[in-house]
Amino acid sequence: MASNTAGDLAYDVLETPTLDSESPNLLLQISEQGGYAYVSMSVLAAAGDLRAAEATREMAWEQLHSGPWHSVLPVWRDAYSMACLYVAKLHHRAGDFGEALKVLDMGLIMGGTLLRQDLHAAVEKVTAKASELRVSEEEQGEVIVGGENAYHEAEVGKNYLSSDWKQELITFSQFLERIQSSDCTSTLPTYLAQHPLFDQIHELRKDIFIPDYCYAGGGELRSLNAWFGPAGTVTPLHHDPHHNILAQVVGKKYIRLYPASLSEELYPYTETMLCNSSKFSLKVDLDNIDEKEFPKVKDLEFQDCILEEGEMLYIPPKWWHYVRSLTTSFSVSFWWSNCGGSPAS
């Protein structure tokens, strides 16, 4: 019996029903925004020209970085998704499943919502093909690279309020190397914080069960995110707009909470973008507060705990919370709103 090869496994094509039906209208919108070169290249890409497909992805990428993220027109995010699908389909057809997965993952991270269903379906199919080939290659003493080379947007630095903080696109294998490194003092901590990991890796999403609490009173799930990083990662004192259940999967975290009624005493930033974050938790040790700089904080009552593996903590809307990983840690947060769609007081 002939052995499986990349060519054997890539006999079929990636189906993209949404792209097929929406591409005429999407290309029209791109043309209206001056993307004539993109439209011309996309026609060639759809016909199977890999260089043209890569060119469309580069054009869309430039548009995504033409200014602040909030100013990028949604049509260019969808254009980036379209280009990623074209490139991935051609890599898949060639049996290059690792490259196809990387491209699809970038489409999920940076692309728009129009073609997200096609991206998810393509990821599932390519992952299955890569798994089949991996088994075959392992039997022959070879191993191919698969989902561990998918890209993720990680936070690098002490925390998001620090001057050294930044975000990097790195592969999952690179991320694992960083958090497993024994020489943690030589590099800034890397953290997948509030990361939509389960949107990118549907196999992991199947392992997550939404707690019934999230649906109490007609509640609606708003966000499902992962928090994965080494010991010492910190989320500064802040509050969120929704109900939150934080589930600890691996490791443990120290958490301190202050009720929403103490907001004025916790020195929130006045800037709109940071108004849900506290100034004093960035500068001081919460167990050794500078009374001269932050006199209102010292005698405030709070609740704290160490969240262990297998435990969940409910954090009400607008409650201030500070989180520090005590070990390598993996957590899942479930944000939901009540029946009315707005957070409870």
Protein backbone atom coordinates (compact mmCIF):
# COMPACT_ATOMS: atom_id res chain seq x y z
CA MET A 1 0.00 0.00 0.00
CA ALA A 2 1.36 3.43 -0.92
CA SER A 3 2.18 5.66 2.05
CA ASN A 4 0.42 8.95 2.66
CA THR A 5 2.24 12.04 1.43
CA ALA A 6 1.45 15.73 1.43
CA GLY A 7 0.26 15.38 -2.15
CA ASP A 8 -2.03 12.48 -1.26
CA LEU A 9 -3.60 14.42 1.60
CA ALA A 10 -4.14 17.65 -0.33
CA TYR A 11 -6.33 16.15 -3.03
CA ASP A 12 -9.28 18.34 -2.07
CA VAL A 13 -9.57 22.11 -1.76
CA LEU A 14 -10.47 24.33 1.14
CA GLU A 15 -14.09 25.29 0.80
CA THR A 16 -14.87 28.97 1.41
CA PRO A 17 -18.63 29.43 0.91
CA THR A 18 -18.80 32.87 2.52
CA LEU A 19 -15.86 34.14 0.48
CA ASP A 20 -17.39 32.72 -2.69
CA SER A 21 -20.71 34.49 -2.12
CA GLU A 22 -19.41 37.75 -0.63
CA SER A 23 -16.30 38.40 -2.75
CA PRO A 24 -18.05 40.44 -5.51
CA ASN A 25 -19.53 42.86 -2.99
CA LEU A 26 -16.33 42.97 -0.94
CA LEU A 27 -14.20 43.72 -4.00
CA LEU A 28 -16.63 46.50 -4.95
CA GLN A 29 -16.21 48.06 -1.50
CA ILE A 30 -12.43 47.78 -1.77
CA SER A 31 -12.54 49.50 -5.18
CA GLU A 32 -14.60 52.32 -3.70
CA GLN A 33 -11.77 52.86 -1.18
CA GLY A 34 -9.18 53.09 -3.96
CA GLY A 35 -7.95 49.50 -3.74
CA TYR A 36 -7.80 48.91 -7.50
CA ALA A 37 -4.43 47.15 -7.38
CA TYR A 38 -5.73 44.86 -4.65
CA VAL A 39 -8.77 43.95 -6.77
CA SER A 40 -6.61 43.18 -9.81
CA MET A 41 -4.29 40.95 -7.82
CA SER A 42 -7.18 39.20 -6.08
CA VAL A 43 -8.56 38.05 -9.43
CA LEU A 44 -5.22 36.38 -10.16
CA ALA A 45 -5.07 35.01 -6.62
CA ALA A 46 -8.50 33.41 -7.01
CA ALA A 47 -7.23 31.78 -10.20
CA GLY A 48 -4.37 30.12 -8.32
CA ASP A 49 -1.47 32.62 -8.51
CA LEU A 50 0.39 32.40 -5.17
CA ARG A 51 2.51 35.50 -5.84
CA ALA A 52 -0.63 37.52 -6.52
CA ALA A 53 -2.24 36.14 -3.36
CA GLU A 54 0.78 37.15 -1.29
CA ALA A 55 0.67 40.59 -2.95
CA THR A 56 -2.95 41.10 -1.89
CA ARG A 57 -2.05 40.12 1.66
CA GLU A 58 0.80 42.66 1.70
CA MET A 59 -1.49 45.41 0.38
CA ALA A 60 -4.11 44.73 3.02
CA TRP A 61 -1.42 44.51 5.71
CA GLU A 62 -0.19 47.98 4.78
CA GLN A 63 -3.72 49.34 5.12
CA LEU A 64 -4.05 47.75 8.57
CA HIS A 65 -0.95 49.67 9.64
CA SER A 66 -1.76 52.97 7.96
CA GLY A 67 -2.82 54.57 11.26
CA PRO A 68 -4.31 53.83 14.68
CA TRP A 69 -6.17 50.52 14.74
CA HIS A 70 -9.53 52.15 15.47
CA SER A 71 -9.19 54.26 12.32
CA VAL A 72 -8.72 51.29 9.97
CA LEU A 73 -11.77 50.82 7.75
CA PRO A 74 -13.53 47.47 8.37
CA VAL A 75 -13.39 46.69 4.65
CA TRP A 76 -9.59 46.43 4.83
CA ARG A 77 -9.79 43.99 7.71
CA ASP A 78 -12.09 41.84 5.60
CA ALA A 79 -9.71 42.32 2.67
CA TYR A 80 -6.92 40.93 4.80
CA SER A 81 -9.06 37.90 5.70
CA MET A 82 -9.80 37.36 2.01
CA ALA A 83 -6.12 37.47 1.10
CA CYS A 84 -5.24 35.06 3.90
CA LEU A 85 -7.82 32.59 2.63
CA TYR A 86 -6.42 32.77 -0.91
CA VAL A 87 -2.86 32.21 0.32
CA ALA A 88 -3.90 29.39 2.66
CA LYS A 89 -5.87 27.61 -0.06
CA LEU A 90 -2.82 27.55 -2.30
CA HIS A 91 -0.52 26.32 0.47
CA HIS A 92 -3.08 23.65 1.33
CA ARG A 93 -3.27 22.54 -2.28
CA ALA A 94 0.52 22.20 -2.30
CA GLY A 95 0.43 20.15 0.90
CA ASP A 96 2.19 22.85 2.94
CA PHE A 97 -0.16 22.63 5.91
CA GLY A 98 2.12 24.38 8.40
CA GLU A 99 2.27 27.53 6.26
CA ALA A 100 -1.47 27.35 5.61
CA LEU A 101 -2.17 27.27 9.36
CA LYS A 102 0.10 30.26 10.04
CA VAL A 103 -1.65 32.31 7.39
CA LEU A 104 -5.12 31.36 8.60
CA ASP A 105 -4.15 32.21 12.14
CA MET A 106 -3.02 35.68 11.07
CA GLY A 107 -6.37 36.09 9.35
CA LEU A 108 -8.16 35.32 12.61
CA ILE A 109 -5.96 37.73 14.57
CA MET A 110 -5.90 40.68 12.19
CA GLY A 111 -8.86 40.14 9.88
CA GLY A 112 -12.46 41.26 10.05
CA THR A 113 -15.63 39.39 10.93
CA LEU A 114 -17.13 38.81 7.47
CA LEU A 115 -15.06 35.74 6.62
CA ARG A 116 -14.41 34.45 10.12
CA GLN A 117 -16.55 31.34 9.63
CA ASP A 118 -14.53 30.38 6.55
CA LEU A 119 -11.28 30.93 8.47
CA HIS A 120 -12.43 28.71 11.35
CA ALA A 121 -13.59 25.95 9.01
CA ALA A 122 -10.32 26.11 7.09
CA VAL A 123 -8.28 25.89 10.29
CA GLU A 124 -10.17 22.77 11.35
CA LYS A 125 -9.67 21.12 7.98
CA VAL A 126 -5.98 21.99 7.64
CA THR A 127 -5.33 20.93 11.23
CA ALA A 128 -6.89 17.55 10.49
CA LYS A 129 -4.77 17.18 7.35
CA ALA A 130 -1.64 18.18 9.26
CA SER A 131 -2.41 15.59 11.93
CA GLU A 132 -2.78 12.87 9.30
CA LEU A 133 0.52 13.83 7.74
CA ARG A 134 2.21 14.07 11.13
CA VAL A 135 1.32 10.44 11.85
CA SER A 136 2.67 9.40 8.47
CA GLU A 137 5.87 11.42 8.87
CA GLU A 138 6.46 10.12 12.39
CA GLU A 139 6.17 6.57 11.11
CA GLN A 140 8.91 7.43 8.62
CA GLY A 141 11.07 9.17 11.24
CA GLU A 142 10.12 12.69 10.17
CA VAL A 143 7.91 15.30 11.82
CA ILE A 144 6.24 18.32 10.24
CA VAL A 145 5.48 21.58 12.01
CA GLY A 146 1.80 22.24 12.58
CA GLY A 147 -0.27 24.41 14.91
CA GLU A 148 2.62 25.24 17.23
CA ASN A 149 3.72 27.74 14.57
CA ALA A 150 0.42 29.61 14.66
CA TYR A 151 0.83 33.25 15.63
CA HIS A 152 -0.50 34.89 18.80
CA GLU A 153 -0.39 38.49 20.00
CA ALA A 154 1.45 38.43 23.33
CA GLU A 155 2.08 41.15 25.89
CA VAL A 156 5.74 41.75 26.71
CA GLY A 157 6.80 43.78 29.74
CA LYS A 158 5.94 44.23 33.40
CA ASN A 159 2.28 45.11 32.73
CA TYR A 160 0.17 47.21 30.38
CA LEU A 161 0.74 50.41 32.40
CA SER A 162 4.55 50.12 32.33
CA SER A 163 6.76 52.11 29.97
CA ASP A 164 8.47 48.91 28.79
CA TRP A 165 5.18 47.26 27.80
CA LYS A 166 4.58 46.28 24.18
CA GLN A 167 2.81 43.66 22.10
CA GLU A 168 4.48 41.13 19.81
CA LEU A 169 3.22 38.61 17.28
CA ILE A 170 5.01 35.37 18.11
CA THR A 171 4.37 31.72 17.40
CA PHE A 172 2.96 29.54 20.13
CA SER A 173 6.18 27.51 20.22
CA GLN A 174 8.19 30.71 20.74
CA PHE A 175 5.84 31.70 23.53
CA LEU A 176 6.28 28.34 25.26
CA GLU A 177 10.06 28.65 24.99
CA ARG A 178 9.93 32.03 26.69
CA ILE A 179 7.80 31.02 29.64
CA GLN A 180 9.73 27.78 30.13
CA SER A 181 13.09 29.54 30.12
CA SER A 182 14.93 29.21 33.42
CA ASP A 183 16.69 32.54 32.91
CA CYS A 184 13.62 34.70 33.48
CA THR A 185 15.66 37.65 34.76
CA SER A 186 17.31 38.31 31.41
CA THR A 187 14.12 38.92 29.46
CA LEU A 188 10.87 40.77 29.95
CA PRO A 189 7.93 38.52 30.89
CA THR A 190 5.71 37.42 28.01
CA TYR A 191 2.02 36.98 28.70
CA LEU A 192 -1.00 35.90 26.69
CA ALA A 193 -3.35 38.22 28.56
CA GLN A 194 -7.08 38.41 27.81
CA HIS A 195 -6.29 36.47 24.67
CA PRO A 196 -8.96 35.01 22.32
CA LEU A 197 -7.08 31.71 22.18
CA PHE A 198 -10.22 29.66 21.74
CA ASP A 199 -11.21 31.61 18.64
CA GLN A 200 -7.92 30.58 17.08
CA ILE A 201 -7.75 26.98 18.29
CA HIS A 202 -11.20 25.41 18.14
CA GLU A 203 -9.88 22.11 19.48
CA LEU A 204 -9.23 23.85 22.79
CA ARG A 205 -12.62 25.54 22.72
CA LYS A 206 -14.26 22.12 22.76
CA ASP A 207 -12.67 21.53 26.17
CA ILE A 208 -14.29 24.62 27.68
CA PHE A 209 -17.71 24.40 29.32
CA ILE A 210 -19.47 27.66 30.07
CA PRO A 211 -20.47 27.78 33.77
CA ASP A 212 -24.22 27.82 34.31
CA TYR A 213 -23.77 30.97 36.39
CA CYS A 214 -23.18 32.91 33.17
CA TYR A 215 -26.76 32.25 32.08
CA ALA A 216 -28.48 32.92 35.39
CA GLY A 217 -31.29 35.43 34.99
CA GLY A 218 -31.09 35.25 31.20
CA GLY A 219 -27.42 36.18 31.08
CA GLU A 220 -25.50 36.33 27.80
CA LEU A 221 -21.82 35.42 27.38
CA ARG A 222 -19.83 38.41 26.13
CA SER A 223 -16.25 37.22 26.05
CA LEU A 224 -14.21 34.05 26.60
CA ASN A 225 -10.48 34.60 27.01
CA ALA A 226 -7.32 32.82 28.08
CA TRP A 227 -4.59 34.08 30.42
CA PHE A 228 -1.32 32.15 30.08
CA GLY A 229 2.07 33.16 31.38
CA PRO A 230 4.97 32.57 33.75
CA ALA A 231 5.18 33.33 37.47
CA GLY A 232 5.30 37.04 38.23
CA THR A 233 2.98 38.33 35.53
CA VAL A 234 0.75 41.10 36.88
CA THR A 235 -2.54 42.63 35.86
CA PRO A 236 -2.68 46.05 37.58
CA LEU A 237 -5.61 47.10 39.73
CA HIS A 238 -8.52 47.78 37.38
CA HIS A 239 -12.22 47.10 36.86
CA ASP A 240 -14.25 45.63 33.99
CA PRO A 241 -17.78 46.37 32.74
CA HIS A 242 -19.18 42.83 32.89
CA HIS A 243 -19.75 40.00 35.33
CA ASN A 244 -16.66 37.81 35.38
CA ILE A 245 -15.86 34.27 36.45
CA LEU A 246 -12.14 33.60 36.53
CA ALA A 247 -11.37 29.87 36.39
CA GLN A 248 -7.90 28.67 37.34
CA VAL A 249 -6.78 25.72 35.20
CA VAL A 250 -3.04 25.47 35.91
CA GLY A 251 -0.99 27.05 38.70
CA LYS A 252 -2.17 29.66 41.16
CA LYS A 253 -2.73 33.41 41.40
CA TYR A 254 -2.96 36.02 44.12
CA ILE A 255 -6.03 38.25 43.69
CA ARG A 256 -7.06 41.35 45.61
CA LEU A 257 -10.48 42.96 45.22
CA TYR A 258 -11.94 46.34 46.20
CA PRO A 259 -15.69 47.08 45.82
CA ALA A 260 -16.92 49.49 43.17
CA SER A 261 -18.00 51.93 45.87
CA LEU A 262 -14.32 52.73 46.59
CA SER A 263 -13.47 53.89 43.07
CA GLU A 264 -12.66 57.49 44.02
CA GLU A 265 -10.27 56.35 46.76
CA LEU A 266 -8.30 54.12 44.37
CA TYR A 267 -6.83 56.94 42.26
CA PRO A 268 -8.19 56.01 38.80
CA TYR A 269 -6.54 57.54 35.77
CA THR A 270 -8.35 60.52 34.30
CA GLU A 271 -7.46 59.57 30.72
CA THR A 272 -10.39 57.95 28.92
CA MET A 273 -8.42 54.92 27.75
CA LEU A 274 -7.17 54.15 31.27
CA CYS A 275 -10.06 55.34 33.42
CA ASN A 276 -10.70 51.76 34.56
CA SER A 277 -7.11 51.43 35.91
CA SER A 278 -5.56 52.63 39.16
CA LYS A 279 -2.44 54.78 39.38
CA PHE A 280 -1.19 53.53 42.70
CA SER A 281 -0.98 49.82 41.85
CA LEU A 282 1.56 50.60 39.14
CA LYS A 283 3.98 52.43 41.41
CA VAL A 284 3.79 50.62 44.72
CA ASP A 285 3.74 47.25 46.41
CA LEU A 286 0.14 46.66 47.48
CA ASP A 287 1.44 45.36 50.81
CA ASN A 288 3.62 48.45 51.38
CA ILE A 289 1.60 51.47 50.24
CA ASP A 290 3.19 54.93 50.34
CA GLU A 291 0.86 56.81 52.69
CA LYS A 292 2.19 60.20 51.62
CA GLU A 293 1.54 59.67 47.92
CA PHE A 294 -1.68 57.68 48.30
CA PRO A 295 -3.16 58.59 51.68
CA LYS A 296 -6.70 57.41 50.88
CA VAL A 297 -5.70 53.82 50.16
CA LYS A 298 -4.04 52.62 53.36
CA ASP A 299 -7.13 51.90 55.45
CA LEU A 300 -9.42 50.70 52.68
CA GLU A 301 -10.96 47.31 53.23
CA PHE A 302 -10.39 44.66 50.59
CA GLN A 303 -10.82 40.97 49.99
CA ASP A 304 -8.05 38.74 48.72
CA CYS A 305 -7.37 35.11 48.02
CA ILE A 306 -5.02 32.66 46.33
CA LEU A 307 -6.89 31.05 43.47
CA GLU A 308 -5.81 27.42 43.14
CA GLU A 309 -6.15 24.94 40.28
CA GLY A 310 -9.76 23.85 39.82
CA GLU A 311 -11.20 26.90 41.58
CA MET A 312 -13.32 29.74 40.18
CA LEU A 313 -13.74 33.29 41.45
CA TYR A 314 -16.69 35.55 40.72
CA ILE A 315 -15.75 39.22 40.18
CA PRO A 316 -18.76 41.58 39.99
CA PRO A 317 -18.92 44.38 37.40
CA LYS A 318 -16.94 47.49 38.32
CA TRP A 319 -15.14 45.76 41.19
CA TRP A 320 -11.46 46.62 41.23
CA HIS A 321 -9.09 43.65 41.08
CA TYR A 322 -5.35 43.10 41.05
CA VAL A 323 -3.95 39.76 39.84
CA ARG A 324 -0.44 38.31 40.18
CA SER A 325 0.65 34.86 39.00
CA LEU A 326 2.48 32.95 41.72
CA THR A 327 3.48 30.13 39.37
CA THR A 328 3.26 29.40 35.68
CA SER A 329 -0.45 29.91 35.20
CA PHE A 330 -3.28 29.23 32.78
CA SER A 331 -6.67 30.80 33.50
CA VAL A 332 -9.94 31.24 31.63
CA SER A 333 -12.21 34.25 32.10
CA PHE A 334 -15.94 34.26 31.31
CA TRP A 335 -17.48 37.71 30.87
CA TRP A 336 -21.25 37.97 30.69
CA SER A 337 -24.02 40.53 30.96
CA ASN A 338 -27.37 40.16 32.66
CA CYS A 339 -30.72 39.89 30.88
CA GLY A 340 -30.91 43.60 30.12
CA GLY A 341 -27.53 43.55 28.35
CA SER A 342 -25.93 45.94 30.82
CA PRO A 343 -23.83 44.98 33.84
CA ALA A 344 -25.43 44.83 37.25
CA SER A 345 -24.50 47.41 39.81
